[in-house]
Amino acid sequence: MFGKILLISALALIAWAVVARASQGAGPTLRYTVRPGDTLWSIAASHYAGDPRDAIYRIAKQNHIAGYVIVPGEQLVLPSAR
């Protein structure tokens, strides 16, 4: 009986650690509506510090954007800055 309780406790601790690790650094996200004239480059440059290329890649990946094409009115989820 004690062994089962110990095993269940250990599994619960491991599960908690995995969830905590997965959410680490996830941070808040921001919703952005694309306006006429916006590009991924301009959005990345105005919302993230450093080289916009990394931010462009992350924005495109987060929003499943193929070909890096965006259109006015489109809703983007901007991942948190690292």
PDB file of N, CA and C in Angstrom:
ATOM      1  N   MET A   1       0.826  -1.194   0.000  1.00  0.00           N
ATOM      2  CA  MET A   1       0.000   0.000   0.000  1.00  0.00           C
ATOM      3  C   MET A   1       0.868   1.255   0.000  1.00  0.00           C
ATOM      4  N   PHE A   2       1.869   1.268   0.889  1.00  0.00           N
ATOM      5  CA  PHE A   2       2.758   2.428   0.962  1.00  0.00           C
ATOM      6  C   PHE A   2       3.492   2.623  -0.362  1.00  0.00           C
ATOM      7  N   GLY A   3       3.868   1.533  -0.999  1.00  0.00           N
ATOM      8  CA  GLY A   3       4.570   1.597  -2.282  1.00  0.00           C
ATOM      9  C   GLY A   3       3.712   2.230  -3.367  1.00  0.00           C
ATOM     10  N   LYS A   4       2.411   1.909  -3.379  1.00  0.00           N
ATOM     11  CA  LYS A   4       1.508   2.483  -4.369  1.00  0.00           C
ATOM     12  C   LYS A   4       1.358   3.988  -4.164  1.00  0.00           C
ATOM     13  N   ILE A   5       1.236   4.390  -2.908  1.00  0.00           N
ATOM     14  CA  ILE A   5       1.111   5.814  -2.599  1.00  0.00           C
ATOM     15  C   ILE A   5       2.382   6.548  -3.010  1.00  0.00           C
ATOM     16  N   LEU A   6       3.522   5.955  -2.728  1.00  0.00           N
ATOM     17  CA  LEU A   6       4.795   6.561  -3.103  1.00  0.00           C
ATOM     18  C   LEU A   6       4.915   6.669  -4.621  1.00  0.00           C
ATOM     19  N   LEU A   7       4.514   5.636  -5.331  1.00  0.00           N
ATOM     20  CA  LEU A   7       4.571   5.636  -6.793  1.00  0.00           C
ATOM     21  C   LEU A   7       3.647   6.701  -7.376  1.00  0.00           C
ATOM     22  N   ILE A   8       2.432   6.789  -6.870  1.00  0.00           N
ATOM     23  CA  ILE A   8       1.477   7.790  -7.351  1.00  0.00           C
ATOM     24  C   ILE A   8       1.988   9.199  -7.065  1.00  0.00           C
ATOM     25  N   SER A   9       2.563   9.404  -5.888  1.00  0.00           N
ATOM     26  CA  SER A   9       3.117  10.712  -5.543  1.00  0.00           C
ATOM     27  C   SER A   9       4.263  11.081  -6.474  1.00  0.00           C
ATOM     28  N   ALA A  10       5.122  10.115  -6.769  1.00  0.00           N
ATOM     29  CA  ALA A  10       6.251  10.369  -7.664  1.00  0.00           C
ATOM     30  C   ALA A  10       5.766  10.708  -9.069  1.00  0.00           C
ATOM     31  N   LEU A  11       4.775   9.983  -9.561  1.00  0.00           N
ATOM     32  CA  LEU A  11       4.227  10.263 -10.889  1.00  0.00           C
ATOM     33  C   LEU A  11       3.568  11.639 -10.942  1.00  0.00           C
ATOM     34  N   ALA A  12       2.860  12.004  -9.879  1.00  0.00           N
ATOM     35  CA  ALA A  12       2.229  13.320  -9.823  1.00  0.00           C
ATOM     36  C   ALA A  12       3.284  14.422  -9.831  1.00  0.00           C
ATOM     37  N   LEU A  13       4.371  14.222  -9.115  1.00  0.00           N
ATOM     38  CA  LEU A  13       5.451  15.202  -9.074  1.00  0.00           C
ATOM     39  C   LEU A  13       6.101  15.351 -10.445  1.00  0.00           C
ATOM     40  N   ILE A  14       6.319  14.250 -11.127  1.00  0.00           N
ATOM     41  CA  ILE A  14       6.913  14.294 -12.466  1.00  0.00           C
ATOM     42  C   ILE A  14       5.977  15.011 -13.435  1.00  0.00           C
ATOM     43  N   ALA A  15       4.684  14.700 -13.370  1.00  0.00           N
ATOM     44  CA  ALA A  15       3.711  15.353 -14.251  1.00  0.00           C
ATOM     45  C   ALA A  15       3.682  16.853 -13.998  1.00  0.00           C
ATOM     46  N   TRP A  16       3.706  17.257 -12.741  1.00  0.00           N
ATOM     47  CA  TRP A  16       3.720  18.679 -12.403  1.00  0.00           C
ATOM     48  C   TRP A  16       4.973  19.350 -12.954  1.00  0.00           C
ATOM     49  N   ALA A  17       6.130  18.693 -12.836  1.00  0.00           N
ATOM     50  CA  ALA A  17       7.385  19.256 -13.331  1.00  0.00           C
ATOM     51  C   ALA A  17       7.352  19.426 -14.849  1.00  0.00           C
ATOM     52  N   VAL A  18       6.773  18.467 -15.553  1.00  0.00           N
ATOM     53  CA  VAL A  18       6.681  18.557 -17.015  1.00  0.00           C
ATOM     54  C   VAL A  18       5.793  19.732 -17.419  1.00  0.00           C
ATOM     55  N   VAL A  19       4.659  19.885 -16.767  1.00  0.00           N
ATOM     56  CA  VAL A  19       3.751  20.987 -17.081  1.00  0.00           C
ATOM     57  C   VAL A  19       4.403  22.324 -16.753  1.00  0.00           C
ATOM     58  N   ALA A  20       5.064  22.416 -15.620  1.00  0.00           N
ATOM     59  CA  ALA A  20       5.730  23.659 -15.234  1.00  0.00           C
ATOM     60  C   ALA A  20       6.834  24.007 -16.223  1.00  0.00           C
ATOM     61  N   ARG A  21       7.569  23.027 -16.664  1.00  0.00           N
ATOM     62  CA  ARG A  21       8.652  23.258 -17.628  1.00  0.00           C
ATOM     63  C   ARG A  21       8.097  23.701 -18.978  1.00  0.00           C
ATOM     64  N   ALA A  22       6.999  23.083 -19.409  1.00  0.00           N
ATOM     65  CA  ALA A  22       6.408  23.415 -20.707  1.00  0.00           C
ATOM     66  C   ALA A  22       5.876  24.840 -20.730  1.00  0.00           C
ATOM     67  N   SER A  23       5.361  25.320 -19.612  1.00  0.00           N
ATOM     68  CA  SER A  23       4.792  26.659 -19.582  1.00  0.00           C
ATOM     69  C   SER A  23       5.823  27.724 -19.242  1.00  0.00           C
ATOM     70  N   GLN A  24       7.010  27.323 -18.884  1.00  0.00           N
ATOM     71  CA  GLN A  24       8.048  28.277 -18.513  1.00  0.00           C
ATOM     72  C   GLN A  24       8.415  29.117 -19.724  1.00  0.00           C
ATOM     73  N   GLY A  25       8.393  30.416 -19.555  1.00  0.00           N
ATOM     74  CA  GLY A  25       8.770  31.306 -20.633  1.00  0.00           C
ATOM     75  C   GLY A  25       7.679  31.523 -21.667  1.00  0.00           C
ATOM     76  N   ALA A  26       6.534  30.903 -21.482  1.00  0.00           N
ATOM     77  CA  ALA A  26       5.475  31.087 -22.459  1.00  0.00           C
ATOM     78  C   ALA A  26       5.013  32.537 -22.463  1.00  0.00           C
ATOM     79  N   GLY A  27       4.908  33.113 -21.283  1.00  0.00           N
ATOM     80  CA  GLY A  27       4.581  34.519 -21.160  1.00  0.00           C
ATOM     81  C   GLY A  27       3.258  34.895 -21.822  1.00  0.00           C
ATOM     82  N   PRO A  28       2.871  36.139 -21.645  1.00  0.00           N
ATOM     83  CA  PRO A  28       1.622  36.591 -22.240  1.00  0.00           C
ATOM     84  C   PRO A  28       1.770  36.786 -23.752  1.00  0.00           C
ATOM     85  N   THR A  29       0.678  36.663 -24.446  1.00  0.00           N
ATOM     86  CA  THR A  29       0.679  36.928 -25.880  1.00  0.00           C
ATOM     87  C   THR A  29      -0.158  38.169 -26.140  1.00  0.00           C
ATOM     88  N   LEU A  30       0.028  38.747 -27.306  1.00  0.00           N
ATOM     89  CA  LEU A  30      -0.679  39.959 -27.687  1.00  0.00           C
ATOM     90  C   LEU A  30      -1.386  39.700 -29.004  1.00  0.00           C
ATOM     91  N   ARG A  31      -2.616  40.143 -29.124  1.00  0.00           N
ATOM     92  CA  ARG A  31      -3.342  40.035 -30.394  1.00  0.00           C
ATOM     93  C   ARG A  31      -3.113  41.332 -31.167  1.00  0.00           C
ATOM     94  N   TYR A  32      -2.879  41.188 -32.459  1.00  0.00           N
ATOM     95  CA  TYR A  32      -2.610  42.342 -33.308  1.00  0.00           C
ATOM     96  C   TYR A  32      -3.436  42.212 -34.580  1.00  0.00           C
ATOM     97  N   THR A  33      -4.119  43.287 -34.970  1.00  0.00           N
ATOM     98  CA  THR A  33      -4.874  43.316 -36.217  1.00  0.00           C
ATOM     99  C   THR A  33      -4.018  43.986 -37.280  1.00  0.00           C
ATOM    100  N   VAL A  34      -3.788  43.274 -38.371  1.00  0.00           N
ATOM    101  CA  VAL A  34      -2.960  43.789 -39.461  1.00  0.00           C
ATOM    102  C   VAL A  34      -3.673  44.967 -40.117  1.00  0.00           C
ATOM    103  N   ARG A  35      -2.918  46.055 -40.323  1.00  0.00           N
ATOM    104  CA  ARG A  35      -3.447  47.262 -40.962  1.00  0.00           C
ATOM    105  C   ARG A  35      -2.871  47.392 -42.366  1.00  0.00           C
ATOM    106  N   PRO A  36      -3.512  48.182 -43.223  1.00  0.00           N
ATOM    107  CA  PRO A  36      -2.956  48.386 -44.565  1.00  0.00           C
ATOM    108  C   PRO A  36      -1.521  48.915 -44.476  1.00  0.00           C
ATOM    109  N   GLY A  37      -0.641  48.352 -45.256  1.00  0.00           N
ATOM    110  CA  GLY A  37       0.759  48.766 -45.262  1.00  0.00           C
ATOM    111  C   GLY A  37       1.637  47.994 -44.293  1.00  0.00           C
ATOM    112  N   ASP A  38       1.037  47.229 -43.390  1.00  0.00           N
ATOM    113  CA  ASP A  38       1.833  46.432 -42.450  1.00  0.00           C
ATOM    114  C   ASP A  38       2.545  45.297 -43.176  1.00  0.00           C
ATOM    115  N   THR A  39       3.724  44.994 -42.690  1.00  0.00           N
ATOM    116  CA  THR A  39       4.457  43.806 -43.124  1.00  0.00           C
ATOM    117  C   THR A  39       4.885  43.067 -41.867  1.00  0.00           C
ATOM    118  N   LEU A  40       5.250  41.812 -42.018  1.00  0.00           N
ATOM    119  CA  LEU A  40       5.760  41.090 -40.851  1.00  0.00           C
ATOM    120  C   LEU A  40       6.995  41.789 -40.307  1.00  0.00           C
ATOM    121  N   TRP A  41       7.809  42.332 -41.194  1.00  0.00           N
ATOM    122  CA  TRP A  41       9.017  43.041 -40.766  1.00  0.00           C
ATOM    123  C   TRP A  41       8.652  44.253 -39.909  1.00  0.00           C
ATOM    124  N   SER A  42       7.688  45.065 -40.367  1.00  0.00           N
ATOM    125  CA  SER A  42       7.331  46.271 -39.606  1.00  0.00           C
ATOM    126  C   SER A  42       6.697  45.914 -38.265  1.00  0.00           C
ATOM    127  N   ILE A  43       5.884  44.869 -38.244  1.00  0.00           N
ATOM    128  CA  ILE A  43       5.269  44.435 -36.982  1.00  0.00           C
ATOM    129  C   ILE A  43       6.344  43.932 -36.028  1.00  0.00           C
ATOM    130  N   ALA A  44       7.252  43.107 -36.540  1.00  0.00           N
ATOM    131  CA  ALA A  44       8.329  42.566 -35.702  1.00  0.00           C
ATOM    132  C   ALA A  44       9.220  43.681 -35.177  1.00  0.00           C
ATOM    133  N   ALA A  45       9.562  44.634 -36.038  1.00  0.00           N
ATOM    134  CA  ALA A  45      10.450  45.726 -35.628  1.00  0.00           C
ATOM    135  C   ALA A  45       9.804  46.619 -34.575  1.00  0.00           C
ATOM    136  N   SER A  46       8.478  46.779 -34.635  1.00  0.00           N
ATOM    137  CA  SER A  46       7.824  47.667 -33.670  1.00  0.00           C
ATOM    138  C   SER A  46       7.466  46.983 -32.351  1.00  0.00           C
ATOM    139  N   HIS A  47       7.452  45.658 -32.325  1.00  0.00           N
ATOM    140  CA  HIS A  47       7.053  44.952 -31.103  1.00  0.00           C
ATOM    141  C   HIS A  47       8.177  44.183 -30.415  1.00  0.00           C
ATOM    142  N   TYR A  48       9.311  44.023 -31.088  1.00  0.00           N
ATOM    143  CA  TYR A  48      10.405  43.224 -30.529  1.00  0.00           C
ATOM    144  C   TYR A  48      11.726  43.963 -30.682  1.00  0.00           C
ATOM    145  N   ALA A  49      12.594  43.791 -29.696  1.00  0.00           N
ATOM    146  CA  ALA A  49      13.937  44.367 -29.769  1.00  0.00           C
ATOM    147  C   ALA A  49      14.846  43.404 -30.531  1.00  0.00           C
ATOM    148  N   GLY A  50      15.907  43.928 -31.078  1.00  0.00           N
ATOM    149  CA  GLY A  50      16.880  43.069 -31.749  1.00  0.00           C
ATOM    150  C   GLY A  50      16.535  42.820 -33.207  1.00  0.00           C
ATOM    151  N   ASP A  51      17.122  41.768 -33.753  1.00  0.00           N
ATOM    152  CA  ASP A  51      16.967  41.410 -35.158  1.00  0.00           C
ATOM    153  C   ASP A  51      15.529  40.971 -35.441  1.00  0.00           C
ATOM    154  N   PRO A  52      14.825  41.669 -36.331  1.00  0.00           N
ATOM    155  CA  PRO A  52      13.429  41.315 -36.614  1.00  0.00           C
ATOM    156  C   PRO A  52      13.250  39.944 -37.264  1.00  0.00           C
ATOM    157  N   ARG A  53      14.297  39.388 -37.867  1.00  0.00           N
ATOM    158  CA  ARG A  53      14.149  38.106 -38.568  1.00  0.00           C
ATOM    159  C   ARG A  53      13.709  36.984 -37.637  1.00  0.00           C
ATOM    160  N   ASP A  54      14.239  36.957 -36.425  1.00  0.00           N
ATOM    161  CA  ASP A  54      13.827  35.928 -35.463  1.00  0.00           C
ATOM    162  C   ASP A  54      12.359  36.110 -35.089  1.00  0.00           C
ATOM    163  N   ALA A  55      11.956  37.359 -34.857  1.00  0.00           N
ATOM    164  CA  ALA A  55      10.563  37.638 -34.498  1.00  0.00           C
ATOM    165  C   ALA A  55       9.626  37.302 -35.657  1.00  0.00           C
ATOM    166  N   ILE A  56      10.038  37.594 -36.891  1.00  0.00           N
ATOM    167  CA  ILE A  56       9.214  37.263 -38.058  1.00  0.00           C
ATOM    168  C   ILE A  56       8.980  35.761 -38.118  1.00  0.00           C
ATOM    169  N   TYR A  57      10.031  34.996 -37.924  1.00  0.00           N
ATOM    170  CA  TYR A  57       9.910  33.535 -37.950  1.00  0.00           C
ATOM    171  C   TYR A  57       8.937  33.058 -36.876  1.00  0.00           C
ATOM    172  N   ARG A  58       9.076  33.597 -35.652  1.00  0.00           N
ATOM    173  CA  ARG A  58       8.218  33.159 -34.550  1.00  0.00           C
ATOM    174  C   ARG A  58       6.759  33.562 -34.769  1.00  0.00           C
ATOM    175  N   ILE A  59       6.528  34.784 -35.301  1.00  0.00           N
ATOM    176  CA  ILE A  59       5.157  35.224 -35.590  1.00  0.00           C
ATOM    177  C   ILE A  59       4.534  34.325 -36.654  1.00  0.00           C
ATOM    178  N   ALA A  60       5.288  34.062 -37.719  1.00  0.00           N
ATOM    179  CA  ALA A  60       4.777  33.215 -38.805  1.00  0.00           C
ATOM    180  C   ALA A  60       4.478  31.807 -38.302  1.00  0.00           C
ATOM    181  N   LYS A  61       5.358  31.270 -37.481  1.00  0.00           N
ATOM    182  CA  LYS A  61       5.148  29.921 -36.949  1.00  0.00           C
ATOM    183  C   LYS A  61       3.933  29.881 -36.022  1.00  0.00           C
ATOM    184  N   GLN A  62       3.815  30.860 -35.142  1.00  0.00           N
ATOM    185  CA  GLN A  62       2.702  30.918 -34.186  1.00  0.00           C
ATOM    186  C   GLN A  62       1.353  30.987 -34.903  1.00  0.00           C
ATOM    187  N   ASN A  63       1.323  31.694 -36.046  1.00  0.00           N
ATOM    188  CA  ASN A  63       0.068  31.937 -36.756  1.00  0.00           C
ATOM    189  C   ASN A  63      -0.118  31.068 -37.995  1.00  0.00           C
ATOM    190  N   HIS A  64       0.780  30.108 -38.193  1.00  0.00           N
ATOM    191  CA  HIS A  64       0.698  29.188 -39.341  1.00  0.00           C
ATOM    192  C   HIS A  64       0.611  29.957 -40.662  1.00  0.00           C
ATOM    193  N   ILE A  65       1.499  30.938 -40.821  1.00  0.00           N
ATOM    194  CA  ILE A  65       1.520  31.764 -42.024  1.00  0.00           C
ATOM    195  C   ILE A  65       2.468  31.141 -43.035  1.00  0.00           C
ATOM    196  N   ALA A  66       1.929  30.781 -44.189  1.00  0.00           N
ATOM    197  CA  ALA A  66       2.749  30.217 -45.265  1.00  0.00           C
ATOM    198  C   ALA A  66       3.155  31.348 -46.207  1.00  0.00           C
ATOM    199  N   GLY A  67       4.410  31.382 -46.578  1.00  0.00           N
ATOM    200  CA  GLY A  67       4.872  32.388 -47.519  1.00  0.00           C
ATOM    201  C   GLY A  67       5.033  33.775 -46.918  1.00  0.00           C
ATOM    202  N   TYR A  68       4.849  33.902 -45.628  1.00  0.00           N
ATOM    203  CA  TYR A  68       5.019  35.170 -44.927  1.00  0.00           C
ATOM    204  C   TYR A  68       4.109  36.270 -45.477  1.00  0.00           C
ATOM    205  N   VAL A  69       2.934  35.899 -45.968  1.00  0.00           N
ATOM    206  CA  VAL A  69       1.985  36.859 -46.530  1.00  0.00           C
ATOM    207  C   VAL A  69       0.896  37.135 -45.503  1.00  0.00           C
ATOM    208  N   ILE A  70       0.652  38.422 -45.234  1.00  0.00           N
ATOM    209  CA  ILE A  70      -0.423  38.834 -44.334  1.00  0.00           C
ATOM    210  C   ILE A  70      -1.322  39.813 -45.088  1.00  0.00           C
ATOM    211  N   VAL A  71      -2.566  39.928 -44.631  1.00  0.00           N
ATOM    212  CA  VAL A  71      -3.523  40.828 -45.278  1.00  0.00           C
ATOM    213  C   VAL A  71      -4.187  41.708 -44.219  1.00  0.00           C
ATOM    214  N   PRO A  72      -4.561  42.942 -44.600  1.00  0.00           N
ATOM    215  CA  PRO A  72      -5.235  43.823 -43.649  1.00  0.00           C
ATOM    216  C   PRO A  72      -6.486  43.158 -43.070  1.00  0.00           C
ATOM    217  N   GLY A  73      -6.670  43.346 -41.779  1.00  0.00           N
ATOM    218  CA  GLY A  73      -7.803  42.767 -41.069  1.00  0.00           C
ATOM    219  C   GLY A  73      -7.498  41.429 -40.424  1.00  0.00           C
ATOM    220  N   GLU A  74      -6.403  40.816 -40.836  1.00  0.00           N
ATOM    221  CA  GLU A  74      -6.017  39.519 -40.266  1.00  0.00           C
ATOM    222  C   GLU A  74      -5.618  39.697 -38.803  1.00  0.00           C
ATOM    223  N   GLN A  75      -6.025  38.756 -37.967  1.00  0.00           N
ATOM    224  CA  GLN A  75      -5.670  38.773 -36.548  1.00  0.00           C
ATOM    225  C   GLN A  75      -4.424  37.920 -36.343  1.00  0.00           C
ATOM    226  N   LEU A  76      -3.395  38.502 -35.752  1.00  0.00           N
ATOM    227  CA  LEU A  76      -2.169  37.769 -35.452  1.00  0.00           C
ATOM    228  C   LEU A  76      -2.016  37.637 -33.946  1.00  0.00           C
ATOM    229  N   VAL A  77      -1.466  36.527 -33.529  1.00  0.00           N
ATOM    230  CA  VAL A  77      -1.066  36.347 -32.138  1.00  0.00           C
ATOM    231  C   VAL A  77       0.434  36.573 -32.108  1.00  0.00           C
ATOM    232  N   LEU A  78       0.860  37.587 -31.362  1.00  0.00           N
ATOM    233  CA  LEU A  78       2.282  37.886 -31.252  1.00  0.00           C
ATOM    234  C   LEU A  78       2.828  37.176 -30.020  1.00  0.00           C
ATOM    235  N   PRO A  79       3.768  36.251 -30.213  1.00  0.00           N
ATOM    236  CA  PRO A  79       4.340  35.548 -29.062  1.00  0.00           C
ATOM    237  C   PRO A  79       5.115  36.516 -28.176  1.00  0.00           C
ATOM    238  N   SER A  80       5.254  36.150 -26.919  1.00  0.00           N
ATOM    239  CA  SER A  80       5.976  37.008 -25.987  1.00  0.00           C
ATOM    240  C   SER A  80       7.428  37.132 -26.411  1.00  0.00           C
ATOM    241  N   ALA A  81       8.016  38.264 -26.099  1.00  0.00           N
ATOM    242  CA  ALA A  81       9.429  38.490 -26.411  1.00  0.00           C
ATOM    243  C   ALA A  81      10.276  37.613 -25.510  1.00  0.00           C
ATOM    244  N   ARG A  82      11.396  37.181 -26.030  1.00  0.00           N
ATOM    245  CA  ARG A  82      12.285  36.319 -25.234  1.00  0.00           C
ATOM    246  C   ARG A  82      13.196  37.141 -24.380  1.00  0.00           C
TER     247      ARG A  82
END
